[in-house]
C-alpha atoms as a PDB file:
ATOM      1  CA  MET A   1      -0.045   0.005   0.050  1.00  0.00           C
ATOM      2  CA  TYR A   2       1.147   3.599  -0.579  1.00  0.00           C
ATOM      3  CA  ASN A   3      -0.613   6.346   1.511  1.00  0.00           C
ATOM      4  CA  GLY A   4      -3.323   3.692   2.280  1.00  0.00           C
ATOM      5  CA  LYS A   5      -4.069   3.018  -1.372  1.00  0.00           C
ATOM      6  CA  LYS A   6      -3.705  -0.330  -3.013  1.00  0.00           C
ATOM      7  CA  VAL A   7      -1.000  -0.699  -5.792  1.00  0.00           C
ATOM      8  CA  LEU A   8      -1.175  -3.120  -8.532  1.00  0.00           C
ATOM      9  CA  ALA A   9       1.907  -3.671 -10.796  1.00  0.00           C
ATOM     10  CA  ILE A  10       1.411  -5.126 -14.130  1.00  0.00           C
ATOM     11  CA  VAL A  11       3.952  -6.716 -16.425  1.00  0.00           C
ATOM     12  CA  PRO A  12       2.693  -6.811 -20.212  1.00  0.00           C
ATOM     13  CA  ALA A  13       4.329  -9.529 -21.955  1.00  0.00           C
ATOM     14  CA  ARG A  14       2.433 -10.584 -25.213  1.00  0.00           C
ATOM     15  CA  ALA A  15       3.398 -13.080 -27.610  1.00  0.00           C
ATOM     16  CA  GLY A  16       4.333 -12.149 -31.293  1.00  0.00           C
ATOM     17  CA  SER A  17       7.317  -9.847 -31.154  1.00  0.00           C
ATOM     18  CA  LYS A  18       8.562  -9.144 -34.501  1.00  0.00           C
ATOM     19  CA  GLY A  19      11.721  -7.256 -33.678  1.00  0.00           C
ATOM     20  CA  LEU A  20      13.033 -10.019 -31.303  1.00  0.00           C
ATOM     21  CA  PRO A  21      10.877 -13.033 -31.453  1.00  0.00           C
ATOM     22  CA  GLY A  22      10.330 -14.568 -28.033  1.00  0.00           C
ATOM     23  CA  LYS A  23      11.894 -11.883 -26.166  1.00  0.00           C
ATOM     24  CA  ASN A  24       9.864 -12.066 -23.208  1.00  0.00           C
ATOM     25  CA  TYR A  25      10.710 -15.545 -22.221  1.00  0.00           C
ATOM     26  CA  ARG A  26      14.565 -15.364 -23.432  1.00  0.00           C
ATOM     27  CA  ASP A  27      17.019 -15.929 -20.810  1.00  0.00           C
ATOM     28  CA  PHE A  28      18.648 -12.793 -19.520  1.00  0.00           C
ATOM     29  CA  HIS A  29      21.220 -13.437 -16.945  1.00  0.00           C
ATOM     30  CA  GLY A  30      19.655 -16.661 -15.742  1.00  0.00           C
ATOM     31  CA  TYR A  31      15.981 -15.689 -15.820  1.00  0.00           C
ATOM     32  CA  PRO A  32      13.465 -15.267 -18.559  1.00  0.00           C
ATOM     33  CA  LEU A  33      13.238 -11.546 -19.507  1.00  0.00           C
ATOM     34  CA  PHE A  34       9.801 -10.947 -17.804  1.00  0.00           C
ATOM     35  CA  GLN A  35      10.699 -12.384 -14.550  1.00  0.00           C
ATOM     36  CA  TRP A  36      13.068  -9.505 -13.680  1.00  0.00           C
ATOM     37  CA  SER A  37      10.101  -7.085 -13.824  1.00  0.00           C
ATOM     38  CA  MET A  38       8.013  -9.447 -11.775  1.00  0.00           C
ATOM     39  CA  LEU A  39      10.818  -9.466  -9.158  1.00  0.00           C
ATOM     40  CA  ALA A  40      10.933  -5.565  -9.061  1.00  0.00           C
ATOM     41  CA  GLY A  41       7.253  -5.614  -8.153  1.00  0.00           C
ATOM     42  CA  LEU A  42       7.598  -8.485  -5.608  1.00  0.00           C
ATOM     43  CA  ASN A  43      10.439  -6.674  -3.816  1.00  0.00           C
ATOM     44  CA  SER A  44       8.591  -3.319  -3.562  1.00  0.00           C
ATOM     45  CA  SER A  45       7.329  -2.243  -0.156  1.00  0.00           C
ATOM     46  CA  TYR A  46       4.607  -0.501  -1.736  1.00  0.00           C
ATOM     47  CA  VAL A  47       3.040  -2.854  -4.373  1.00  0.00           C
ATOM     48  CA  ASP A  48       0.362  -5.081  -3.057  1.00  0.00           C
ATOM     49  CA  HIS A  49       0.002  -7.349  -6.114  1.00  0.00           C
ATOM     50  CA  THR A  50       2.129  -7.968  -9.196  1.00  0.00           C
ATOM     51  CA  VAL A  51       0.514  -9.671 -12.217  1.00  0.00           C
ATOM     52  CA  LEU A  52       1.781 -10.897 -15.620  1.00  0.00           C
ATOM     53  CA  SER A  53      -0.528 -10.117 -18.461  1.00  0.00           C
ATOM     54  CA  THR A  54       0.137 -12.479 -21.370  1.00  0.00           C
ATOM     55  CA  ASN A  55      -1.117 -14.385 -24.243  1.00  0.00           C
ATOM     56  CA  CYS A  56       2.029 -16.374 -24.812  1.00  0.00           C
ATOM     57  CA  PRO A  57       2.359 -19.991 -24.056  1.00  0.00           C
ATOM     58  CA  GLU A  58       6.034 -20.128 -23.497  1.00  0.00           C
ATOM     59  CA  VAL A  59       5.918 -16.946 -20.989  1.00  0.00           C
ATOM     60  CA  LYS A  60       2.952 -18.713 -19.098  1.00  0.00           C
ATOM     61  CA  LYS A  61       4.972 -22.016 -18.914  1.00  0.00           C
ATOM     62  CA  ALA A  62       7.991 -19.979 -17.492  1.00  0.00           C
ATOM     63  CA  TYR A  63       5.772 -18.324 -15.198  1.00  0.00           C
ATOM     64  CA  ASP A  64       4.412 -21.732 -13.822  1.00  0.00           C
ATOM     65  CA  HIS A  65       8.098 -22.641 -13.000  1.00  0.00           C
ATOM     66  CA  PHE A  66       8.851 -19.381 -11.509  1.00  0.00           C
ATOM     67  CA  SER A  67       5.640 -19.350  -9.326  1.00  0.00           C
ATOM     68  CA  ARG A  68       6.641 -22.981  -8.073  1.00  0.00           C
ATOM     69  CA  ILE A  69      10.070 -21.884  -7.009  1.00  0.00           C
ATOM     70  CA  CYS A  70       8.878 -18.566  -5.462  1.00  0.00           C
ATOM     71  CA  CYS A  71       9.044 -18.368  -1.767  1.00  0.00           C
ATOM     72  CA  ALA A  72       5.559 -18.885  -0.148  1.00  0.00           C
ATOM     73  CA  SER A  73       5.454 -15.486   1.225  1.00  0.00           C
ATOM     74  CA  ASN A  74       5.186 -13.994  -2.251  1.00  0.00           C
ATOM     75  CA  ARG A  75       2.572 -16.363  -3.930  1.00  0.00           C
ATOM     76  CA  ASN A  76      -0.247 -14.333  -2.545  1.00  0.00           C
ATOM     77  CA  LYS A  77       1.337 -11.219  -3.948  1.00  0.00           C
ATOM     78  CA  MET A  78       1.570 -12.467  -7.552  1.00  0.00           C
ATOM     79  CA  GLY A  79      -0.684 -13.713 -10.374  1.00  0.00           C
ATOM     80  CA  ILE A  80      -1.054 -14.079 -14.113  1.00  0.00           C
ATOM     81  CA  VAL A  81      -3.991 -12.885 -16.271  1.00  0.00           C
ATOM     82  CA  GLU A  82      -4.822 -14.141 -19.754  1.00  0.00           C
ATOM     83  CA  ARG A  83      -4.496 -11.196 -22.178  1.00  0.00           C
ATOM     84  CA  PRO A  84      -7.095 -11.580 -24.877  1.00  0.00           C
ATOM     85  CA  ASP A  85      -6.013 -11.979 -28.480  1.00  0.00           C
ATOM     86  CA  ALA A  86      -8.113  -8.857 -29.355  1.00  0.00           C
ATOM     87  CA  ILE A  87      -5.489  -6.577 -27.283  1.00  0.00           C
ATOM     88  CA  SER A  88      -2.490  -8.685 -28.277  1.00  0.00           C
ATOM     89  CA  GLY A  89      -1.676  -7.516 -31.870  1.00  0.00           C
ATOM     90  CA  ASP A  90       1.102  -5.454 -33.175  1.00  0.00           C
ATOM     91  CA  PHE A  91      -1.047  -2.402 -32.799  1.00  0.00           C
ATOM     92  CA  SER A  92      -2.470  -3.129 -29.533  1.00  0.00           C
ATOM     93  CA  THR A  93      -1.573  -0.593 -26.785  1.00  0.00           C
ATOM     94  CA  THR A  94      -0.100  -1.207 -23.602  1.00  0.00           C
ATOM     95  CA  GLU A  95      -2.876   0.864 -22.021  1.00  0.00           C
ATOM     96  CA  SER A  96      -5.567  -1.688 -23.093  1.00  0.00           C
ATOM     97  CA  ALA A  97      -3.485  -4.467 -21.623  1.00  0.00           C
ATOM     98  CA  LEU A  98      -3.287  -2.575 -18.313  1.00  0.00           C
ATOM     99  CA  LEU A  99      -7.053  -1.711 -18.259  1.00  0.00           C
ATOM    100  CA  ASP A 100      -7.736  -5.371 -18.922  1.00  0.00           C
ATOM    101  CA  ALA A 101      -5.386  -6.597 -16.257  1.00  0.00           C
ATOM    102  CA  VAL A 102      -6.970  -4.278 -13.669  1.00  0.00           C
ATOM    103  CA  GLU A 103     -10.483  -5.412 -14.553  1.00  0.00           C
ATOM    104  CA  GLN A 104      -9.532  -9.058 -14.473  1.00  0.00           C
ATOM    105  CA  VAL A 105      -7.786  -8.677 -11.123  1.00  0.00           C
ATOM    106  CA  GLY A 106     -10.690  -7.079  -9.684  1.00  0.00           C
ATOM    107  CA  MET A 107      -8.844  -5.580  -6.786  1.00  0.00           C
ATOM    108  CA  GLU A 108     -11.253  -3.144  -4.916  1.00  0.00           C
ATOM    109  CA  ASN A 109     -10.083   0.578  -4.779  1.00  0.00           C
ATOM    110  CA  VAL A 110      -6.852  -0.062  -6.780  1.00  0.00           C
ATOM    111  CA  GLN A 111      -5.552   3.457  -6.758  1.00  0.00           C
ATOM    112  CA  TRP A 112      -2.053   2.997  -8.261  1.00  0.00           C
ATOM    113  CA  VAL A 113      -0.951   0.942 -11.192  1.00  0.00           C
ATOM    114  CA  VAL A 114       2.740   0.401 -11.944  1.00  0.00           C
ATOM    115  CA  THR A 115       3.545  -0.696 -15.402  1.00  0.00           C
ATOM    116  CA  LEU A 116       6.720  -3.026 -15.506  1.00  0.00           C
ATOM    117  CA  GLN A 117       7.795  -3.255 -19.139  1.00  0.00           C
ATOM    118  CA  PRO A 118       9.656  -6.600 -19.482  1.00  0.00           C
ATOM    119  CA  THR A 119      12.031  -5.204 -22.028  1.00  0.00           C
ATOM    120  CA  SER A 120      13.377  -2.947 -19.253  1.00  0.00           C
ATOM    121  CA  PRO A 121      14.769  -5.287 -16.750  1.00  0.00           C
ATOM    122  CA  LEU A 122      17.802  -3.292 -15.418  1.00  0.00           C
ATOM    123  CA  ARG A 123      16.075  -1.481 -12.429  1.00  0.00           C
ATOM    124  CA  TYR A 124      18.263  -0.935  -9.537  1.00  0.00           C
ATOM    125  CA  ASN A 125      17.151  -2.384  -6.046  1.00  0.00           C
ATOM    126  CA  GLY A 126      14.575  -0.103  -4.512  1.00  0.00           C
ATOM    127  CA  LEU A 127      13.745   1.836  -7.679  1.00  0.00           C
ATOM    128  CA  LEU A 128       9.888   1.332  -7.257  1.00  0.00           C
ATOM    129  CA  ASP A 129       9.957   2.394  -3.562  1.00  0.00           C
ATOM    130  CA  SER A 130      11.994   5.354  -4.505  1.00  0.00           C
ATOM    131  CA  CYS A 131       9.606   6.322  -7.262  1.00  0.00           C
ATOM    132  CA  PHE A 132       6.796   6.434  -4.805  1.00  0.00           C
ATOM    133  CA  GLU A 133       8.667   8.453  -2.464  1.00  0.00           C
ATOM    134  CA  GLU A 134       9.498  11.018  -5.130  1.00  0.00           C
ATOM    135  CA  LEU A 135       5.692  10.995  -6.018  1.00  0.00           C
ATOM    136  CA  ASP A 136       4.964  11.950  -2.298  1.00  0.00           C
ATOM    137  CA  LYS A 137       7.768  14.541  -2.121  1.00  0.00           C
ATOM    138  CA  ASN A 138       6.460  16.214  -5.126  1.00  0.00           C
ATOM    139  CA  CYS A 139       2.709  15.841  -4.550  1.00  0.00           C
ATOM    140  CA  SER A 140       2.475  14.227  -8.023  1.00  0.00           C
ATOM    141  CA  ASP A 141      -0.318  11.895  -9.309  1.00  0.00           C
ATOM    142  CA  SER A 142       2.166  10.041 -11.778  1.00  0.00           C
ATOM    143  CA  LEU A 143       5.773   9.323 -12.718  1.00  0.00           C
ATOM    144  CA  PHE A 144       7.562   8.047 -15.721  1.00  0.00           C
ATOM    145  CA  THR A 145      11.163   6.605 -15.545  1.00  0.00           C
ATOM    146  CA  GLY A 146      13.313   6.527 -18.772  1.00  0.00           C
ATOM    147  CA  LYS A 147      16.647   6.911 -20.263  1.00  0.00           C
ATOM    148  CA  LYS A 148      17.276   9.881 -22.898  1.00  0.00           C
ATOM    149  CA  MET A 149      18.139   8.492 -26.278  1.00  0.00           C
ATOM    150  CA  THR A 150      16.994   8.575 -29.810  1.00  0.00           C
ATOM    151  CA  PRO A 151      15.522   5.804 -31.968  1.00  0.00           C
ATOM    152  CA  PHE A 152      16.323   7.601 -35.084  1.00  0.00           C
ATOM    153  CA  PHE A 153      19.273   6.910 -37.374  1.00  0.00           C
ATOM    154  CA  MET A 154      21.509   9.974 -37.956  1.00  0.00           C
ATOM    155  CA  ARG A 155      23.698  10.759 -41.019  1.00  0.00           C
ATOM    156  CA  LYS A 156      26.515  13.303 -41.483  1.00  0.00           C
ATOM    157  CA  THR A 157      26.046  15.729 -44.138  1.00  0.00           C
ATOM    158  CA  GLU A 158      28.623  17.175 -46.399  1.00  0.00           C
ATOM    159  CA  ASP A 159      28.918  20.405 -44.135  1.00  0.00           C
ATOM    160  CA  GLY A 160      29.638  18.005 -41.110  1.00  0.00           C
ATOM    161  CA  THR A 161      26.059  18.344 -39.506  1.00  0.00           C
ATOM    162  CA  ARG A 162      23.860  15.566 -38.650  1.00  0.00           C
ATOM    163  CA  GLU A 163      20.291  15.098 -39.497  1.00  0.00           C
ATOM    164  CA  VAL A 164      17.835  12.263 -39.030  1.00  0.00           C
ATOM    165  CA  GLU A 165      17.233  10.010 -42.016  1.00  0.00           C
ATOM    166  CA  ASP A 166      14.198  11.199 -43.808  1.00  0.00           C
ATOM    167  CA  SER A 167      13.127   7.586 -44.507  1.00  0.00           C
ATOM    168  CA  MET A 168      12.515   6.960 -40.866  1.00  0.00           C
ATOM    169  CA  LEU A 169      10.537  10.019 -39.759  1.00  0.00           C
ATOM    170  CA  PHE A 170       7.125   8.727 -40.670  1.00  0.00           C
ATOM    171  CA  SER A 171       7.692   5.124 -41.368  1.00  0.00           C
ATOM    172  CA  ARG A 172       9.536   3.798 -38.373  1.00  0.00           C
ATOM    173  CA  PRO A 173       7.796   0.825 -36.621  1.00  0.00           C
ATOM    174  CA  MET A 174       5.729   1.316 -33.532  1.00  0.00           C
ATOM    175  CA  ARG A 175       7.889   0.818 -30.481  1.00  0.00           C
END
């Protein structure tokens, strides 16, 4: 709980990645990629429940193994929800998966939802708790963490300046 309000962490891990097939269940330093996000939710002092939202059979199988080896004190703090195929396509939004997971979990009075992307597994210990404390400190109602970088390809022009490849401006894939 955070300030007396229930917190739900959701790990959206759909099947069908085109850029890196099977990425959500691929091994990353000894664990399937999604498990690092699950562990971040389970290790937070503020998160009441952490769920995996997926339509991927391989992710479900890896989750079953993870839930069997997870210590008993965490089993009631975690779960899995079936992500419908209608919101699991290439153009489906993360928001639709989050709304579906909140509805399926049915936690009454969920006031905070934390999105833990499996493709961002490198979180330092205590990051989620630090984020909640930052929310409190700044009297904010939302917070986003990220790293500044550009997904565009650059090229050097004859005069030495750099510019974005025109072909990428309007045709780059959804990420």
